[in-house]
């Protein structure tokens, strides 16, 4: 492997860095975007579920409620005493912050998937240029002197593609996953806010109505 990197020339260094960042970001996002860390099942508001049950789960064990949904619910609950509009604004601000955490480094992963093949293409051009520069067309130079440059061109091209393809797949996967999480967070926040400001005896009816609207 080291010999292959050396044969690819100096452009293999940024390509290797791209591969390292791609693997590191993919692993980090895969761990961070587990469903239980974003939308824990015990906090999800279902049809005909009382808001008191969710509040009880929020307060039962704070160490288990370090998810995006828990932060949104907790901030809405803490702001409820200041009125409906204030609570809504607080929940929206918290949701924006949590969504930015979910999207962290995903755009960079997309940049890597676009930059890697361009670096490979640059290596191709540099390799071809070097191949022709080492051959003096006005003399009886050996054409085999072009082989190292051509080899460099092919290696960098292949390396760029090998890095770009999985990076693109990972970028699209995490992008889609975050979109699904954002949609669910918005739905759950709407249900929680609606249930929080209705009378206790009407909680289940209004939660069910809001569930139908956002669903």
N, C-alpha and C. Protein backbone atom coordinates (compact mmCIF):
# COMPACT_ATOMS: atom_id res chain seq x y z
N UNK A 1 0.83 -1.21 0.00
CA UNK A 1 0.00 0.00 0.00
C UNK A 1 0.87 1.26 0.00
N UNK A 2 1.91 1.26 0.82
CA UNK A 2 2.79 2.43 0.87
C UNK A 2 3.47 2.67 -0.47
N UNK A 3 3.86 1.59 -1.15
CA UNK A 3 4.49 1.73 -2.46
C UNK A 3 3.51 2.33 -3.47
N UNK A 4 2.26 1.95 -3.34
CA UNK A 4 1.24 2.48 -4.24
C UNK A 4 1.03 3.98 -4.00
N UNK A 5 1.05 4.38 -2.73
CA UNK A 5 0.90 5.79 -2.41
C UNK A 5 2.09 6.59 -2.92
N UNK A 6 3.29 6.04 -2.75
CA UNK A 6 4.49 6.72 -3.25
C UNK A 6 4.45 6.85 -4.76
N UNK A 7 3.97 5.82 -5.45
CA UNK A 7 3.91 5.86 -6.91
C UNK A 7 2.90 6.89 -7.40
N UNK A 8 1.91 7.20 -6.58
CA UNK A 8 0.90 8.17 -6.99
C UNK A 8 1.35 9.61 -6.89
N UNK A 9 2.48 9.86 -6.24
CA UNK A 9 3.01 11.22 -6.16
C UNK A 9 2.42 12.03 -5.02
N UNK A 10 2.75 13.32 -5.04
CA UNK A 10 2.37 14.19 -3.93
C UNK A 10 0.86 14.39 -3.79
N UNK A 11 0.10 14.20 -4.87
CA UNK A 11 -1.34 14.38 -4.79
C UNK A 11 -2.02 13.26 -4.00
N UNK A 12 -1.28 12.19 -3.73
CA UNK A 12 -1.87 11.14 -2.90
C UNK A 12 -2.03 11.58 -1.45
N UNK A 13 -1.26 12.56 -1.02
CA UNK A 13 -1.38 13.05 0.35
C UNK A 13 -2.76 13.65 0.63
N UNK A 14 -3.25 14.61 -0.19
CA UNK A 14 -4.61 15.11 0.07
C UNK A 14 -5.68 14.04 -0.13
N UNK A 15 -5.42 13.09 -1.02
CA UNK A 15 -6.39 12.01 -1.21
C UNK A 15 -6.46 11.10 0.03
N UNK A 16 -5.30 10.83 0.62
CA UNK A 16 -5.29 10.04 1.85
C UNK A 16 -6.01 10.79 2.97
N UNK A 17 -5.78 12.10 3.06
CA UNK A 17 -6.48 12.90 4.07
C UNK A 17 -7.99 12.87 3.85
N UNK A 18 -8.41 12.92 2.60
CA UNK A 18 -9.83 12.84 2.29
C UNK A 18 -10.42 11.51 2.76
N UNK A 19 -9.68 10.44 2.54
CA UNK A 19 -10.16 9.12 2.96
C UNK A 19 -10.26 9.03 4.48
N UNK A 20 -9.29 9.59 5.18
CA UNK A 20 -9.31 9.57 6.65
C UNK A 20 -10.50 10.36 7.18
N UNK A 21 -10.73 11.55 6.64
CA UNK A 21 -11.86 12.37 7.07
C UNK A 21 -13.18 11.68 6.76
N UNK A 22 -13.26 11.05 5.60
CA UNK A 22 -14.49 10.36 5.21
C UNK A 22 -14.84 9.25 6.19
N UNK A 23 -13.85 8.44 6.53
CA UNK A 23 -14.09 7.33 7.47
C UNK A 23 -14.44 7.87 8.85
N UNK A 24 -13.69 8.88 9.32
CA UNK A 24 -13.91 9.42 10.66
C UNK A 24 -15.31 10.04 10.78
N UNK A 25 -15.69 10.84 9.80
CA UNK A 25 -17.00 11.50 9.85
C UNK A 25 -18.12 10.48 9.75
N UNK A 26 -17.96 9.48 8.88
CA UNK A 26 -19.00 8.46 8.72
C UNK A 26 -19.22 7.69 10.02
N UNK A 27 -18.15 7.32 10.68
CA UNK A 27 -18.28 6.59 11.95
C UNK A 27 -18.92 7.47 13.02
N UNK A 28 -18.45 8.72 13.11
CA UNK A 28 -18.98 9.64 14.12
C UNK A 28 -20.47 9.92 13.91
N UNK A 29 -20.87 10.14 12.66
CA UNK A 29 -22.28 10.41 12.38
C UNK A 29 -23.14 9.16 12.57
N UNK A 30 -22.59 8.01 12.24
CA UNK A 30 -23.35 6.76 12.43
C UNK A 30 -23.66 6.55 13.91
N UNK A 31 -22.71 6.87 14.76
CA UNK A 31 -22.92 6.72 16.20
C UNK A 31 -23.87 7.81 16.73
N UNK A 32 -23.63 9.04 16.30
CA UNK A 32 -24.41 10.17 16.82
C UNK A 32 -25.86 10.16 16.33
N UNK A 33 -26.11 9.63 15.15
CA UNK A 33 -27.45 9.68 14.57
C UNK A 33 -28.25 8.40 14.82
N UNK A 34 -27.87 7.65 15.83
CA UNK A 34 -28.71 6.53 16.22
C UNK A 34 -30.06 7.05 16.69
N UNK A 35 -31.10 6.35 16.35
CA UNK A 35 -32.46 6.82 16.64
C UNK A 35 -32.69 7.06 18.13
N UNK A 36 -32.12 6.19 18.96
CA UNK A 36 -32.32 6.33 20.39
C UNK A 36 -31.72 7.60 20.96
N UNK A 37 -30.73 8.19 20.27
CA UNK A 37 -30.11 9.42 20.74
C UNK A 37 -30.79 10.67 20.19
N UNK A 38 -31.73 10.48 19.30
CA UNK A 38 -32.46 11.61 18.71
C UNK A 38 -33.93 11.57 19.09
N UNK A 39 -34.56 10.42 18.88
CA UNK A 39 -35.98 10.26 19.14
C UNK A 39 -36.21 9.01 20.00
N UNK A 40 -35.89 9.09 21.29
CA UNK A 40 -36.08 7.91 22.16
C UNK A 40 -37.54 7.48 22.19
N UNK A 41 -37.74 6.20 22.15
CA UNK A 41 -39.10 5.65 22.02
C UNK A 41 -39.99 6.03 23.19
N UNK A 42 -39.43 6.10 24.41
CA UNK A 42 -40.27 6.35 25.58
C UNK A 42 -40.77 7.79 25.65
N UNK A 43 -40.27 8.67 24.79
CA UNK A 43 -40.73 10.06 24.79
C UNK A 43 -41.68 10.38 23.64
N UNK A 44 -41.82 9.47 22.69
CA UNK A 44 -42.67 9.74 21.53
C UNK A 44 -44.14 9.81 21.95
N UNK A 45 -44.83 10.84 21.47
CA UNK A 45 -46.25 11.01 21.76
C UNK A 45 -47.05 10.23 20.72
N UNK A 46 -47.81 9.27 21.20
CA UNK A 46 -48.63 8.46 20.33
C UNK A 46 -50.09 8.88 20.43
N UNK A 47 -50.91 8.32 19.56
CA UNK A 47 -52.34 8.60 19.62
C UNK A 47 -52.90 8.16 20.98
N UNK A 48 -53.81 8.98 21.49
CA UNK A 48 -54.51 8.68 22.74
C UNK A 48 -53.57 8.59 23.95
N UNK A 49 -52.37 9.15 23.82
CA UNK A 49 -51.45 9.13 24.95
C UNK A 49 -51.53 10.43 25.72
N UNK A 50 -51.58 10.34 27.02
CA UNK A 50 -51.67 11.52 27.87
C UNK A 50 -50.33 12.25 27.92
N UNK A 51 -50.40 13.58 27.97
CA UNK A 51 -49.19 14.38 28.05
C UNK A 51 -48.49 14.16 29.39
N UNK A 52 -49.27 13.79 30.40
CA UNK A 52 -48.68 13.55 31.71
C UNK A 52 -47.68 12.38 31.67
N UNK A 53 -47.95 11.42 30.82
CA UNK A 53 -47.05 10.28 30.70
C UNK A 53 -45.69 10.71 30.17
N UNK A 54 -45.71 11.59 29.16
CA UNK A 54 -44.46 12.09 28.58
C UNK A 54 -43.70 12.93 29.59
N UNK A 55 -44.44 13.80 30.31
CA UNK A 55 -43.80 14.64 31.32
C UNK A 55 -43.19 13.78 32.42
N UNK A 56 -43.87 12.74 32.79
CA UNK A 56 -43.35 11.83 33.82
C UNK A 56 -42.06 11.17 33.34
N UNK A 57 -42.03 10.77 32.08
CA UNK A 57 -40.82 10.16 31.52
C UNK A 57 -39.68 11.16 31.44
N UNK A 58 -40.01 12.42 31.17
CA UNK A 58 -38.98 13.47 31.12
C UNK A 58 -38.33 13.67 32.48
N UNK A 59 -39.14 13.60 33.52
CA UNK A 59 -38.65 13.89 34.86
C UNK A 59 -38.13 12.67 35.60
N UNK A 60 -38.40 11.49 35.06
CA UNK A 60 -38.06 10.26 35.79
C UNK A 60 -36.56 10.06 35.93
N UNK A 61 -35.82 10.20 34.82
CA UNK A 61 -34.38 9.95 34.86
C UNK A 61 -33.71 10.89 33.86
N UNK A 62 -33.17 11.99 34.35
CA UNK A 62 -32.59 13.00 33.47
C UNK A 62 -31.38 12.48 32.70
N UNK A 63 -30.69 11.47 33.25
CA UNK A 63 -29.50 10.95 32.57
C UNK A 63 -29.87 10.20 31.29
N UNK A 64 -31.14 9.74 31.18
CA UNK A 64 -31.57 9.04 29.99
C UNK A 64 -32.20 9.97 28.97
N UNK A 65 -32.34 11.22 29.32
CA UNK A 65 -33.04 12.16 28.44
C UNK A 65 -32.09 13.21 27.88
N UNK A 66 -31.00 12.75 27.31
CA UNK A 66 -30.03 13.65 26.70
C UNK A 66 -30.16 13.62 25.18
N UNK A 67 -31.37 13.47 24.70
CA UNK A 67 -31.63 13.40 23.26
C UNK A 67 -32.15 14.74 22.76
N UNK A 68 -32.19 14.87 21.43
CA UNK A 68 -32.70 16.10 20.82
C UNK A 68 -34.15 16.33 21.20
N UNK A 69 -34.96 15.27 21.17
CA UNK A 69 -36.37 15.39 21.51
C UNK A 69 -36.55 15.79 22.97
N UNK A 70 -35.74 15.23 23.86
CA UNK A 70 -35.85 15.55 25.28
C UNK A 70 -35.51 17.02 25.54
N UNK A 71 -34.48 17.53 24.87
CA UNK A 71 -34.12 18.93 25.05
C UNK A 71 -35.25 19.85 24.59
N UNK A 72 -35.89 19.51 23.49
CA UNK A 72 -37.00 20.34 22.99
C UNK A 72 -38.17 20.30 23.95
N UNK A 73 -38.52 19.11 24.40
CA UNK A 73 -39.65 18.97 25.34
C UNK A 73 -39.35 19.69 26.66
N UNK A 74 -38.17 19.51 27.19
CA UNK A 74 -37.82 20.13 28.47
C UNK A 74 -37.86 21.65 28.40
N UNK A 75 -37.31 22.21 27.32
CA UNK A 75 -37.32 23.67 27.19
C UNK A 75 -38.74 24.20 27.00
N UNK A 76 -39.58 23.45 26.29
CA UNK A 76 -40.98 23.86 26.15
C UNK A 76 -41.71 23.79 27.47
N UNK A 77 -41.43 22.76 28.24
CA UNK A 77 -42.07 22.59 29.55
C UNK A 77 -41.63 23.67 30.52
N UNK A 78 -40.35 24.01 30.51
CA UNK A 78 -39.83 25.05 31.40
C UNK A 78 -40.40 26.43 31.05
N UNK A 79 -40.69 26.65 29.76
CA UNK A 79 -41.18 27.96 29.31
C UNK A 79 -42.70 28.05 29.32
N UNK A 80 -43.38 26.97 29.68
CA UNK A 80 -44.84 26.96 29.62
C UNK A 80 -45.47 28.00 30.53
N UNK A 81 -44.83 28.28 31.65
CA UNK A 81 -45.39 29.24 32.61
C UNK A 81 -45.43 30.65 32.04
N UNK A 82 -44.62 30.94 31.04
CA UNK A 82 -44.57 32.28 30.46
C UNK A 82 -45.50 32.46 29.26
N UNK A 83 -46.29 31.45 28.98
CA UNK A 83 -47.27 31.59 27.93
C UNK A 83 -47.00 30.72 26.71
N UNK A 84 -48.05 30.56 25.93
CA UNK A 84 -47.99 29.66 24.78
C UNK A 84 -47.00 30.12 23.73
N UNK A 85 -47.04 31.42 23.39
CA UNK A 85 -46.15 31.93 22.35
C UNK A 85 -44.68 31.84 22.75
N UNK A 86 -44.41 32.15 24.01
CA UNK A 86 -43.03 32.07 24.48
C UNK A 86 -42.53 30.63 24.45
N UNK A 87 -43.39 29.71 24.87
CA UNK A 87 -43.00 28.30 24.85
C UNK A 87 -42.75 27.81 23.44
N UNK A 88 -43.59 28.24 22.49
CA UNK A 88 -43.39 27.85 21.10
C UNK A 88 -42.06 28.38 20.56
N UNK A 89 -41.78 29.65 20.87
CA UNK A 89 -40.53 30.25 20.40
C UNK A 89 -39.32 29.54 21.01
N UNK A 90 -39.42 29.19 22.28
CA UNK A 90 -38.32 28.50 22.95
C UNK A 90 -38.09 27.12 22.34
N UNK A 91 -39.16 26.41 22.05
CA UNK A 91 -39.04 25.09 21.44
C UNK A 91 -38.48 25.18 20.03
N UNK A 92 -38.87 26.20 19.29
CA UNK A 92 -38.34 26.38 17.94
C UNK A 92 -36.84 26.69 17.97
N UNK A 93 -36.43 27.52 18.93
CA UNK A 93 -35.01 27.85 19.04
C UNK A 93 -34.19 26.62 19.42
N UNK A 94 -34.72 25.83 20.35
CA UNK A 94 -34.02 24.60 20.74
C UNK A 94 -33.97 23.61 19.59
N UNK A 95 -35.06 23.51 18.83
CA UNK A 95 -35.09 22.60 17.69
C UNK A 95 -34.07 23.01 16.64
N UNK A 96 -33.94 24.31 16.39
CA UNK A 96 -32.94 24.79 15.42
C UNK A 96 -31.53 24.42 15.86
N UNK A 97 -31.27 24.57 17.15
CA UNK A 97 -29.95 24.21 17.67
C UNK A 97 -29.68 22.72 17.53
N UNK A 98 -30.66 21.90 17.87
CA UNK A 98 -30.48 20.45 17.79
C UNK A 98 -30.34 19.97 16.35
N UNK A 99 -31.08 20.60 15.44
CA UNK A 99 -30.98 20.22 14.03
C UNK A 99 -29.59 20.54 13.49
N UNK A 100 -29.03 21.66 13.92
CA UNK A 100 -27.67 22.00 13.49
C UNK A 100 -26.67 20.97 13.98
N UNK A 101 -26.91 20.41 15.18
CA UNK A 101 -26.05 19.34 15.68
C UNK A 101 -26.19 18.08 14.84
N UNK A 102 -27.42 17.79 14.43
CA UNK A 102 -27.65 16.60 13.60
C UNK A 102 -26.96 16.73 12.24
N UNK A 103 -26.91 17.94 11.72
CA UNK A 103 -26.34 18.16 10.38
C UNK A 103 -24.83 18.38 10.42
N UNK A 104 -24.25 18.37 11.59
CA UNK A 104 -22.82 18.65 11.75
C UNK A 104 -21.97 17.73 10.88
N UNK A 105 -21.07 18.32 10.10
CA UNK A 105 -20.08 17.61 9.27
C UNK A 105 -20.66 16.89 8.06
N UNK A 106 -21.98 16.86 7.92
CA UNK A 106 -22.55 16.15 6.77
C UNK A 106 -22.24 16.89 5.47
N UNK A 107 -22.32 18.22 5.49
CA UNK A 107 -21.97 18.98 4.29
C UNK A 107 -20.49 18.83 3.94
N UNK A 108 -19.66 18.71 4.96
CA UNK A 108 -18.24 18.48 4.72
C UNK A 108 -18.02 17.13 4.05
N UNK A 109 -18.81 16.16 4.44
CA UNK A 109 -18.74 14.84 3.80
C UNK A 109 -19.12 14.95 2.33
N UNK A 110 -20.11 15.76 2.02
CA UNK A 110 -20.48 16.00 0.62
C UNK A 110 -19.36 16.71 -0.14
N UNK A 111 -18.68 17.63 0.53
CA UNK A 111 -17.55 18.31 -0.11
C UNK A 111 -16.43 17.33 -0.43
N UNK A 112 -16.17 16.41 0.48
CA UNK A 112 -15.13 15.40 0.25
C UNK A 112 -15.49 14.52 -0.94
N UNK A 113 -16.77 14.16 -1.06
CA UNK A 113 -17.18 13.31 -2.17
C UNK A 113 -17.03 14.02 -3.51
N UNK A 114 -17.10 15.36 -3.50
CA UNK A 114 -16.91 16.12 -4.73
C UNK A 114 -15.44 16.44 -4.99
N UNK A 115 -14.67 16.64 -3.91
CA UNK A 115 -13.27 17.03 -4.07
C UNK A 115 -12.37 15.87 -4.46
N UNK A 116 -12.67 14.67 -3.96
CA UNK A 116 -11.80 13.52 -4.21
C UNK A 116 -11.63 13.21 -5.70
N UNK A 117 -12.71 13.13 -6.49
CA UNK A 117 -12.50 12.85 -7.92
C UNK A 117 -11.80 13.99 -8.66
N UNK A 118 -11.98 15.23 -8.18
CA UNK A 118 -11.28 16.35 -8.80
C UNK A 118 -9.78 16.27 -8.53
N UNK A 119 -9.43 15.87 -7.31
CA UNK A 119 -8.01 15.67 -7.00
C UNK A 119 -7.44 14.54 -7.85
N UNK A 120 -8.23 13.48 -8.03
CA UNK A 120 -7.79 12.39 -8.89
C UNK A 120 -7.60 12.83 -10.33
N UNK A 121 -8.51 13.68 -10.80
CA UNK A 121 -8.38 14.21 -12.17
C UNK A 121 -7.16 15.10 -12.29
N UNK A 122 -6.90 15.90 -11.26
CA UNK A 122 -5.70 16.73 -11.27
C UNK A 122 -4.45 15.86 -11.32
N UNK A 123 -4.46 14.76 -10.58
CA UNK A 123 -3.34 13.83 -10.63
C UNK A 123 -3.16 13.24 -12.01
N UNK A 124 -4.27 12.99 -12.69
CA UNK A 124 -4.20 12.47 -14.06
C UNK A 124 -3.51 13.46 -14.98
N UNK A 125 -3.93 14.71 -14.88
CA UNK A 125 -3.34 15.75 -15.75
C UNK A 125 -1.85 15.93 -15.45
N UNK A 126 -1.52 15.98 -14.16
CA UNK A 126 -0.12 16.15 -13.78
C UNK A 126 0.72 14.96 -14.26
N UNK A 127 0.18 13.75 -14.11
CA UNK A 127 0.91 12.57 -14.55
C UNK A 127 1.15 12.55 -16.05
N UNK A 128 0.15 12.93 -16.82
CA UNK A 128 0.30 12.97 -18.28
C UNK A 128 1.31 14.04 -18.69
N UNK A 129 1.25 15.19 -18.03
CA UNK A 129 2.20 16.26 -18.34
C UNK A 129 3.63 15.80 -18.06
N UNK A 130 3.84 15.16 -16.92
CA UNK A 130 5.16 14.66 -16.57
C UNK A 130 5.64 13.62 -17.57
N UNK A 131 4.72 12.81 -18.07
CA UNK A 131 5.08 11.77 -19.04
C UNK A 131 5.66 12.39 -20.31
N UNK A 132 5.06 13.45 -20.79
CA UNK A 132 5.53 14.08 -22.01
C UNK A 132 6.78 14.94 -21.78
N UNK A 133 6.91 15.47 -20.57
CA UNK A 133 8.07 16.30 -20.30
C UNK A 133 9.36 15.48 -20.24
N UNK A 134 9.29 14.23 -19.83
CA UNK A 134 10.50 13.42 -19.72
C UNK A 134 10.94 12.85 -21.05
N UNK A 135 10.12 13.02 -22.07
CA UNK A 135 10.47 12.51 -23.40
C UNK A 135 10.81 13.69 -24.31
N UNK A 136 12.02 13.70 -24.80
CA UNK A 136 12.43 14.72 -25.74
C UNK A 136 12.10 14.23 -27.15
N UNK A 137 11.08 14.83 -27.74
CA UNK A 137 10.64 14.36 -29.04
C UNK A 137 11.68 14.58 -30.14
N UNK A 138 12.64 15.41 -29.87
CA UNK A 138 13.66 15.68 -30.88
C UNK A 138 14.85 14.76 -30.79
N UNK A 139 14.81 13.78 -29.87
CA UNK A 139 15.94 12.87 -29.71
C UNK A 139 15.44 11.43 -29.78
N UNK A 140 16.33 10.52 -29.52
CA UNK A 140 15.97 9.10 -29.55
C UNK A 140 15.65 8.58 -28.14
N UNK A 141 14.94 9.39 -27.37
CA UNK A 141 14.60 9.01 -26.00
C UNK A 141 13.70 7.78 -25.99
N UNK A 142 13.82 6.98 -24.97
CA UNK A 142 13.06 5.75 -24.84
C UNK A 142 11.63 6.07 -24.40
N UNK A 143 10.63 5.64 -25.16
CA UNK A 143 9.23 5.94 -24.78
C UNK A 143 8.83 5.32 -23.44
N UNK A 144 9.58 4.31 -22.98
CA UNK A 144 9.22 3.70 -21.69
C UNK A 144 9.42 4.66 -20.53
N UNK A 145 10.11 5.77 -20.79
CA UNK A 145 10.28 6.78 -19.74
C UNK A 145 8.95 7.45 -19.38
N UNK A 146 7.95 7.27 -20.23
CA UNK A 146 6.64 7.85 -19.95
C UNK A 146 5.85 7.03 -18.95
N UNK A 147 6.28 5.79 -18.70
CA UNK A 147 5.49 4.88 -17.87
C UNK A 147 5.25 5.40 -16.46
N UNK A 148 6.26 5.94 -15.74
CA UNK A 148 5.99 6.42 -14.38
C UNK A 148 4.92 7.51 -14.33
N UNK A 149 4.94 8.43 -15.28
CA UNK A 149 3.92 9.48 -15.29
C UNK A 149 2.53 8.94 -15.56
N UNK A 150 2.45 8.00 -16.49
CA UNK A 150 1.15 7.40 -16.79
C UNK A 150 0.65 6.60 -15.59
N UNK A 151 1.56 5.89 -14.93
CA UNK A 151 1.19 5.14 -13.73
C UNK A 151 0.65 6.07 -12.65
N UNK A 152 1.33 7.19 -12.48
CA UNK A 152 0.87 8.18 -11.49
C UNK A 152 -0.53 8.67 -11.82
N UNK A 153 -0.77 8.93 -13.10
CA UNK A 153 -2.08 9.41 -13.54
C UNK A 153 -3.18 8.41 -13.22
N UNK A 154 -2.92 7.13 -13.49
CA UNK A 154 -3.92 6.10 -13.26
C UNK A 154 -4.16 5.87 -11.77
N UNK A 155 -3.11 5.89 -10.99
CA UNK A 155 -3.25 5.65 -9.55
C UNK A 155 -4.07 6.74 -8.88
N UNK A 156 -3.77 7.98 -9.19
CA UNK A 156 -4.52 9.07 -8.56
C UNK A 156 -5.97 9.09 -9.00
N UNK A 157 -6.21 8.76 -10.27
CA UNK A 157 -7.59 8.70 -10.75
C UNK A 157 -8.37 7.63 -10.00
N UNK A 158 -7.79 6.45 -9.89
CA UNK A 158 -8.45 5.34 -9.18
C UNK A 158 -8.66 5.69 -7.71
N UNK A 159 -7.67 6.29 -7.08
CA UNK A 159 -7.78 6.64 -5.67
C UNK A 159 -8.91 7.65 -5.44
N UNK A 160 -9.01 8.63 -6.33
CA UNK A 160 -10.08 9.62 -6.21
C UNK A 160 -11.45 8.99 -6.29
N UNK A 161 -11.62 8.04 -7.22
CA UNK A 161 -12.91 7.37 -7.36
C UNK A 161 -13.22 6.47 -6.17
N UNK A 162 -12.21 5.76 -5.69
CA UNK A 162 -12.41 4.86 -4.55
C UNK A 162 -12.85 5.63 -3.31
N UNK A 163 -12.35 6.84 -3.15
CA UNK A 163 -12.73 7.67 -2.00
C UNK A 163 -14.09 8.32 -2.21
N UNK A 164 -14.33 8.81 -3.43
CA UNK A 164 -15.53 9.60 -3.70
C UNK A 164 -16.80 8.77 -3.65
N UNK A 165 -16.76 7.55 -4.15
CA UNK A 165 -17.98 6.74 -4.23
C UNK A 165 -18.57 6.44 -2.86
N UNK A 166 -17.82 5.87 -1.91
CA UNK A 166 -18.41 5.64 -0.58
C UNK A 166 -18.74 6.94 0.15
N UNK A 167 -17.95 7.99 -0.07
CA UNK A 167 -18.25 9.28 0.57
C UNK A 167 -19.59 9.82 0.09
N UNK A 168 -19.87 9.66 -1.20
CA UNK A 168 -21.15 10.13 -1.75
C UNK A 168 -22.31 9.32 -1.19
N UNK A 169 -22.15 8.00 -1.11
CA UNK A 169 -23.20 7.16 -0.53
C UNK A 169 -23.46 7.55 0.92
N UNK A 170 -22.39 7.76 1.69
CA UNK A 170 -22.55 8.13 3.09
C UNK A 170 -23.23 9.49 3.23
N UNK A 171 -22.85 10.43 2.38
CA UNK A 171 -23.43 11.77 2.41
C UNK A 171 -24.93 11.72 2.15
N UNK A 172 -25.33 10.99 1.11
CA UNK A 172 -26.75 10.89 0.77
C UNK A 172 -27.53 10.17 1.88
N UNK A 173 -26.93 9.15 2.45
CA UNK A 173 -27.61 8.39 3.51
C UNK A 173 -27.85 9.26 4.73
N UNK A 174 -26.82 9.94 5.21
CA UNK A 174 -26.97 10.77 6.40
C UNK A 174 -27.86 11.97 6.13
N UNK A 175 -27.79 12.51 4.94
CA UNK A 175 -28.65 13.64 4.59
C UNK A 175 -30.12 13.23 4.66
N UNK A 176 -30.41 12.06 4.10
CA UNK A 176 -31.79 11.56 4.13
C UNK A 176 -32.22 11.24 5.56
N UNK A 177 -31.35 10.66 6.34
CA UNK A 177 -31.65 10.30 7.73
C UNK A 177 -31.99 11.54 8.55
N UNK A 178 -31.21 12.60 8.38
CA UNK A 178 -31.45 13.84 9.12
C UNK A 178 -32.79 14.45 8.70
N UNK A 179 -33.11 14.40 7.42
CA UNK A 179 -34.40 14.93 6.96
C UNK A 179 -35.56 14.19 7.62
N UNK A 180 -35.44 12.89 7.75
CA UNK A 180 -36.50 12.11 8.41
C UNK A 180 -36.59 12.48 9.89
N UNK A 181 -35.45 12.64 10.54
CA UNK A 181 -35.45 13.02 11.95
C UNK A 181 -36.06 14.41 12.15
N UNK A 182 -35.73 15.34 11.28
CA UNK A 182 -36.26 16.70 11.39
C UNK A 182 -37.78 16.70 11.27
N UNK A 183 -38.29 15.93 10.31
CA UNK A 183 -39.74 15.84 10.13
C UNK A 183 -40.41 15.28 11.39
N UNK A 184 -39.82 14.25 11.99
CA UNK A 184 -40.40 13.66 13.20
C UNK A 184 -40.28 14.59 14.40
N UNK A 185 -39.16 15.30 14.49
CA UNK A 185 -39.00 16.26 15.59
C UNK A 185 -40.05 17.36 15.50
N UNK A 186 -40.30 17.84 14.31
CA UNK A 186 -41.31 18.88 14.13
C UNK A 186 -42.70 18.37 14.50
N UNK A 187 -42.99 17.14 14.10
CA UNK A 187 -44.29 16.55 14.44
C UNK A 187 -44.44 16.39 15.93
N UNK A 188 -43.43 15.83 16.58
CA UNK A 188 -43.51 15.61 18.02
C UNK A 188 -43.58 16.92 18.80
N UNK A 189 -42.83 17.93 18.35
CA UNK A 189 -42.87 19.22 19.02
C UNK A 189 -44.24 19.86 18.91
N UNK A 190 -44.88 19.72 17.75
CA UNK A 190 -46.23 20.26 17.56
C UNK A 190 -47.23 19.57 18.47
N UNK A 191 -47.13 18.25 18.55
CA UNK A 191 -48.03 17.50 19.42
C UNK A 191 -47.83 17.87 20.89
N UNK A 192 -46.58 17.99 21.30
CA UNK A 192 -46.27 18.31 22.69
C UNK A 192 -46.78 19.70 23.05
N UNK A 193 -46.54 20.66 22.17
CA UNK A 193 -46.97 22.03 22.42
C UNK A 193 -48.49 22.11 22.49
N UNK A 194 -49.18 21.41 21.58
CA UNK A 194 -50.65 21.45 21.58
C UNK A 194 -51.21 20.85 22.86
N UNK A 195 -50.67 19.72 23.28
CA UNK A 195 -51.18 19.05 24.47
C UNK A 195 -50.86 19.83 25.74
N UNK A 196 -49.75 20.56 25.73
CA UNK A 196 -49.28 21.26 26.92
C UNK A 196 -50.22 22.40 27.33
N UNK A 197 -50.95 22.97 26.35
CA UNK A 197 -51.75 24.16 26.65
C UNK A 197 -53.25 23.92 26.54
N UNK A 198 -53.68 22.66 26.68
CA UNK A 198 -55.09 22.35 26.75
C UNK A 198 -55.44 21.85 28.14
N UNK A 199 -56.70 21.93 28.41
CA UNK A 199 -57.15 21.45 29.72
C UNK A 199 -56.91 19.96 29.86
N UNK A 200 -56.70 19.53 31.08
CA UNK A 200 -56.35 18.14 31.34
C UNK A 200 -57.38 17.17 30.78
N UNK A 201 -58.65 17.52 30.91
CA UNK A 201 -59.67 16.58 30.45
C UNK A 201 -59.81 16.54 28.94
N UNK A 202 -59.17 17.52 28.25
CA UNK A 202 -59.25 17.54 26.79
C UNK A 202 -57.94 17.15 26.15
N UNK A 203 -56.95 16.75 26.93
CA UNK A 203 -55.61 16.48 26.40
C UNK A 203 -55.63 15.44 25.29
N UNK A 204 -56.27 14.30 25.56
CA UNK A 204 -56.20 13.21 24.61
C UNK A 204 -56.89 13.57 23.31
N UNK A 205 -58.04 14.29 23.39
CA UNK A 205 -58.77 14.66 22.20
C UNK A 205 -57.97 15.59 21.31
N UNK A 206 -57.34 16.62 21.91
CA UNK A 206 -56.59 17.59 21.12
C UNK A 206 -55.29 17.00 20.60
N UNK A 207 -54.64 16.14 21.38
CA UNK A 207 -53.42 15.48 20.88
C UNK A 207 -53.74 14.67 19.65
N UNK A 208 -54.92 13.96 19.70
CA UNK A 208 -55.31 13.13 18.56
C UNK A 208 -55.59 13.99 17.33
N UNK A 209 -56.23 15.17 17.54
CA UNK A 209 -56.50 16.07 16.42
C UNK A 209 -55.22 16.60 15.81
N UNK A 210 -54.26 17.02 16.65
CA UNK A 210 -53.00 17.54 16.16
C UNK A 210 -52.20 16.43 15.48
N UNK A 211 -52.33 15.22 16.00
CA UNK A 211 -51.61 14.09 15.37
C UNK A 211 -52.10 13.89 13.95
N UNK A 212 -53.43 14.02 13.73
CA UNK A 212 -53.97 13.86 12.40
C UNK A 212 -53.53 15.00 11.48
N UNK A 213 -53.39 16.21 12.01
CA UNK A 213 -52.97 17.35 11.18
C UNK A 213 -51.54 17.19 10.68
N UNK A 214 -50.63 16.88 11.58
CA UNK A 214 -49.22 16.80 11.20
C UNK A 214 -48.88 15.47 10.56
N UNK A 215 -49.73 14.45 10.75
CA UNK A 215 -49.46 13.14 10.19
C UNK A 215 -49.98 13.03 8.78
